[in-house]
Amino acid sequence: MNMKKGLLIVYSGVSGVGKGTILAKLMPMEELNLAYSVSMTTRKPREGEVEGVNYFFVDKKRFMEAVRNGELLEHARFVENDYGTPKDYVEKMRNEGKNVILEIEIRGAKQVLEKCPDALSIYIVPPSIEELERRLRERSTEDEQTIMKRVSKAKKELKEIDFYEHIVCNDDLDKAVEEVRQIILNEMNK
């Protein structure tokens, strides 16, 4: 029996929009058969993040080695840290029939979509920049300067999202989760 290769799902949104919260609700849904693509990063772990589950945390030297060796499907620098998607991990999961979700920022998404134009792309937007700023402050993980960098970055990024196939507004969490779920199911049934 031939197993159908899994989807490659490019999943993005501005920092603080609730991407992780939506994803946490989607991951246990068995009908979606999702596998989370663990990214490599030079960022320090946040409280509760686990090596090999949330990210592969590496130093700058190891990250640059991965770039030089072509080990990453995409890579980008964001708020003074590097992020990248390990190619082998993604292909292994897709070949097992899993729908692999890449939670990546916009520059990385463009790289992936250039290499894999058949990938499904979804971008999560906030209801407003003001609401986004409120959410960033509420999570209390960063200083004021970093919050303002993220808000500034979000304003610029929201002007560049027209290449995404699907745009979902996270105004109501349950509604946003259901919308993303339906997008994935529709693509699976093609």
Protein backbone atom coordinates (compact mmCIF):
# COMPACT_ATOMS: atom_id res chain seq x y z
CA MET A 1 0.00 0.00 0.00
CA ASN A 2 1.37 3.39 -0.99
CA MET A 3 1.19 5.99 1.75
CA LYS A 4 0.19 9.46 0.64
CA LYS A 5 2.94 12.00 1.31
CA GLY A 6 1.94 14.54 3.94
CA LEU A 7 1.28 18.20 3.31
CA LEU A 8 3.82 20.90 3.96
CA ILE A 9 2.03 23.71 5.80
CA VAL A 10 3.70 27.12 6.05
CA TYR A 11 2.15 28.77 9.12
CA SER A 12 3.04 32.34 10.03
CA GLY A 13 1.85 35.43 11.84
CA VAL A 14 3.25 38.42 13.66
CA SER A 15 4.83 37.90 17.06
CA GLY A 16 2.18 37.82 19.81
CA VAL A 17 -0.78 37.13 17.51
CA GLY A 18 -1.56 33.77 19.13
CA LYS A 19 0.01 31.39 16.58
CA GLY A 20 1.24 29.08 19.32
CA THR A 21 -2.11 29.05 21.11
CA ILE A 22 -3.97 28.17 17.90
CA LEU A 23 -1.40 25.49 17.10
CA ALA A 24 -1.68 23.98 20.59
CA LYS A 25 -5.41 23.45 19.96
CA LEU A 26 -4.87 22.03 16.45
CA MET A 27 -2.04 19.58 17.21
CA PRO A 28 -4.14 17.03 19.19
CA MET A 29 -6.83 16.87 16.45
CA GLU A 30 -6.21 13.37 15.06
CA GLU A 31 -8.02 14.01 11.76
CA LEU A 32 -5.38 16.63 10.88
CA ASN A 33 -2.45 14.18 11.33
CA LEU A 34 -0.12 17.07 12.16
CA ALA A 35 3.56 16.96 12.98
CA TYR A 36 5.20 20.12 14.27
CA SER A 37 8.40 21.01 12.49
CA VAL A 38 10.91 21.83 15.18
CA SER A 39 13.06 24.80 14.15
CA MET A 40 16.67 25.41 14.99
CA THR A 41 17.33 28.74 16.73
CA THR A 42 20.07 30.75 18.38
CA ARG A 43 17.42 32.31 20.69
CA LYS A 44 17.60 31.43 24.38
CA PRO A 45 14.77 29.18 25.62
CA ARG A 46 11.75 30.86 27.23
CA GLU A 47 10.38 29.44 30.45
CA GLY A 48 8.73 26.08 29.79
CA GLU A 49 10.27 25.55 26.34
CA VAL A 50 11.85 22.14 25.82
CA GLU A 51 14.90 21.28 23.66
CA GLY A 52 13.85 19.19 20.64
CA VAL A 53 10.15 19.88 21.27
CA ASN A 54 9.79 23.65 20.88
CA TYR A 55 13.14 24.31 19.19
CA PHE A 56 16.61 22.89 18.69
CA PHE A 57 18.54 25.52 20.66
CA VAL A 58 22.04 25.98 19.23
CA ASP A 59 24.84 28.51 19.36
CA LYS A 60 25.69 30.81 16.45
CA LYS A 61 28.61 28.61 15.32
CA ARG A 62 26.44 25.47 14.97
CA PHE A 63 23.71 27.44 13.20
CA MET A 64 26.12 28.85 10.62
CA GLU A 65 27.51 25.35 10.05
CA ALA A 66 23.96 24.11 9.27
CA VAL A 67 23.51 26.99 6.79
CA ARG A 68 26.85 26.25 5.07
CA ASN A 69 26.07 22.52 4.84
CA GLY A 70 22.63 23.09 3.28
CA GLU A 71 20.88 21.40 6.21
CA LEU A 72 18.09 24.00 6.40
CA LEU A 73 14.99 24.31 4.23
CA GLU A 74 14.96 28.00 5.13
CA HIS A 75 16.64 30.33 7.56
CA ALA A 76 16.26 33.92 8.68
CA ARG A 77 17.31 36.40 11.33
CA PHE A 78 14.56 37.87 13.51
CA VAL A 79 14.99 40.29 16.45
CA GLU A 80 18.72 39.47 16.74
CA ASN A 81 18.29 35.68 16.65
CA ASP A 82 18.60 33.12 13.85
CA TYR A 83 15.90 30.58 13.01
CA GLY A 84 15.90 27.74 10.47
CA THR A 85 14.01 24.60 9.46
CA PRO A 86 15.99 21.33 9.36
CA LYS A 87 15.31 19.73 5.94
CA ASP A 88 15.77 16.09 6.96
CA TYR A 89 13.26 16.29 9.81
CA VAL A 90 10.55 17.76 7.55
CA GLU A 91 11.01 15.20 4.75
CA LYS A 92 11.09 12.26 7.16
CA MET A 93 7.75 13.30 8.69
CA ARG A 94 6.10 13.99 5.30
CA ASN A 95 7.25 10.62 3.96
CA GLU A 96 5.55 9.02 6.98
CA GLY A 97 2.29 10.65 5.83
CA LYS A 98 2.30 13.40 8.44
CA ASN A 99 1.13 16.91 7.59
CA VAL A 100 4.13 18.95 8.66
CA ILE A 101 3.45 22.42 9.96
CA LEU A 102 6.28 24.96 9.76
CA GLU A 103 5.72 27.84 12.15
CA ILE A 104 8.05 30.36 10.52
CA GLU A 105 8.37 34.07 9.92
CA ILE A 106 7.69 35.77 6.61
CA ARG A 107 11.19 35.71 5.06
CA GLY A 108 11.52 32.01 5.80
CA ALA A 109 8.04 31.40 4.39
CA LYS A 110 9.04 33.05 1.11
CA GLN A 111 12.11 30.79 0.89
CA VAL A 112 10.03 27.64 1.50
CA LEU A 113 7.30 28.64 -0.95
CA GLU A 114 9.89 29.33 -3.66
CA LYS A 115 11.32 25.81 -3.17
CA CYS A 116 7.95 24.12 -2.51
CA PRO A 117 5.22 26.02 -4.41
CA ASP A 118 2.68 23.29 -3.57
CA ALA A 119 2.95 24.02 0.17
CA LEU A 120 -0.19 25.26 1.92
CA SER A 121 0.35 28.74 3.39
CA ILE A 122 -1.61 30.29 6.27
CA TYR A 123 -0.97 33.66 7.92
CA ILE A 124 -2.54 34.66 11.27
CA VAL A 125 -3.31 38.38 11.71
CA PRO A 126 -4.33 40.31 14.82
CA PRO A 127 -7.60 42.26 14.89
CA SER A 128 -5.48 45.45 15.23
CA ILE A 129 -1.94 46.62 15.99
CA GLU A 130 -3.21 48.00 19.33
CA GLU A 131 -4.54 44.57 20.33
CA LEU A 132 -1.26 42.97 19.28
CA GLU A 133 0.72 45.39 21.47
CA ARG A 134 -1.62 44.65 24.40
CA ARG A 135 -1.06 40.89 23.97
CA LEU A 136 2.73 41.30 23.82
CA ARG A 137 2.70 43.28 27.06
CA GLU A 138 0.33 40.80 28.70
CA ARG A 139 2.63 37.83 28.20
CA SER A 140 5.39 39.66 30.14
CA THR A 141 8.30 37.84 28.50
CA GLU A 142 10.20 40.81 27.06
CA ASP A 143 11.39 44.29 27.92
CA GLU A 144 9.83 47.47 26.49
CA GLN A 145 12.47 47.89 23.78
CA THR A 146 11.89 44.35 22.46
CA ILE A 147 8.10 44.82 22.53
CA MET A 148 8.42 48.01 20.49
CA LYS A 149 10.76 46.25 18.00
CA ARG A 150 8.16 43.49 17.60
CA VAL A 151 5.30 45.98 17.07
CA SER A 152 7.35 47.92 14.50
CA LYS A 153 8.26 44.67 12.72
CA ALA A 154 4.59 43.60 12.74
CA LYS A 155 3.47 46.83 11.05
CA LYS A 156 6.01 46.29 8.24
CA GLU A 157 5.29 42.58 7.92
CA LEU A 158 1.51 43.00 7.61
CA LYS A 159 2.14 44.96 4.40
CA GLU A 160 3.91 41.93 2.83
CA ILE A 161 1.52 39.01 3.41
CA ASP A 162 -0.34 38.94 0.10
CA PHE A 163 1.61 35.88 -1.12
CA TYR A 164 -0.03 33.69 1.57
CA GLU A 165 -2.87 31.55 0.29
CA HIS A 166 -5.00 31.97 3.44
CA ILE A 167 -5.24 34.88 5.93
CA VAL A 168 -6.97 34.14 9.26
CA CYS A 169 -7.81 36.84 11.83
CA ASN A 170 -7.34 35.77 15.45
CA ASP A 171 -10.05 37.94 16.95
CA ASP A 172 -11.93 35.01 18.48
CA LEU A 173 -9.63 32.08 19.34
CA ASP A 174 -12.13 29.24 18.79
CA LYS A 175 -13.25 30.72 15.47
CA ALA A 176 -9.62 31.10 14.31
CA VAL A 177 -8.81 27.50 15.32
CA GLU A 178 -11.84 26.21 13.40
CA GLU A 179 -10.97 28.27 10.33
CA VAL A 180 -7.40 26.91 10.22
CA ARG A 181 -8.72 23.36 10.83
CA GLN A 182 -11.07 23.66 7.85
CA ILE A 183 -8.32 25.03 5.58
CA ILE A 184 -6.11 22.02 6.38
CA LEU A 185 -8.94 19.48 5.98
CA ASN A 186 -9.94 20.99 2.62
CA GLU A 187 -6.33 20.71 1.38
CA MET A 188 -6.05 17.11 2.61
CA ASN A 189 -9.15 16.16 0.64
CA LYS A 190 -7.87 17.52 -2.68
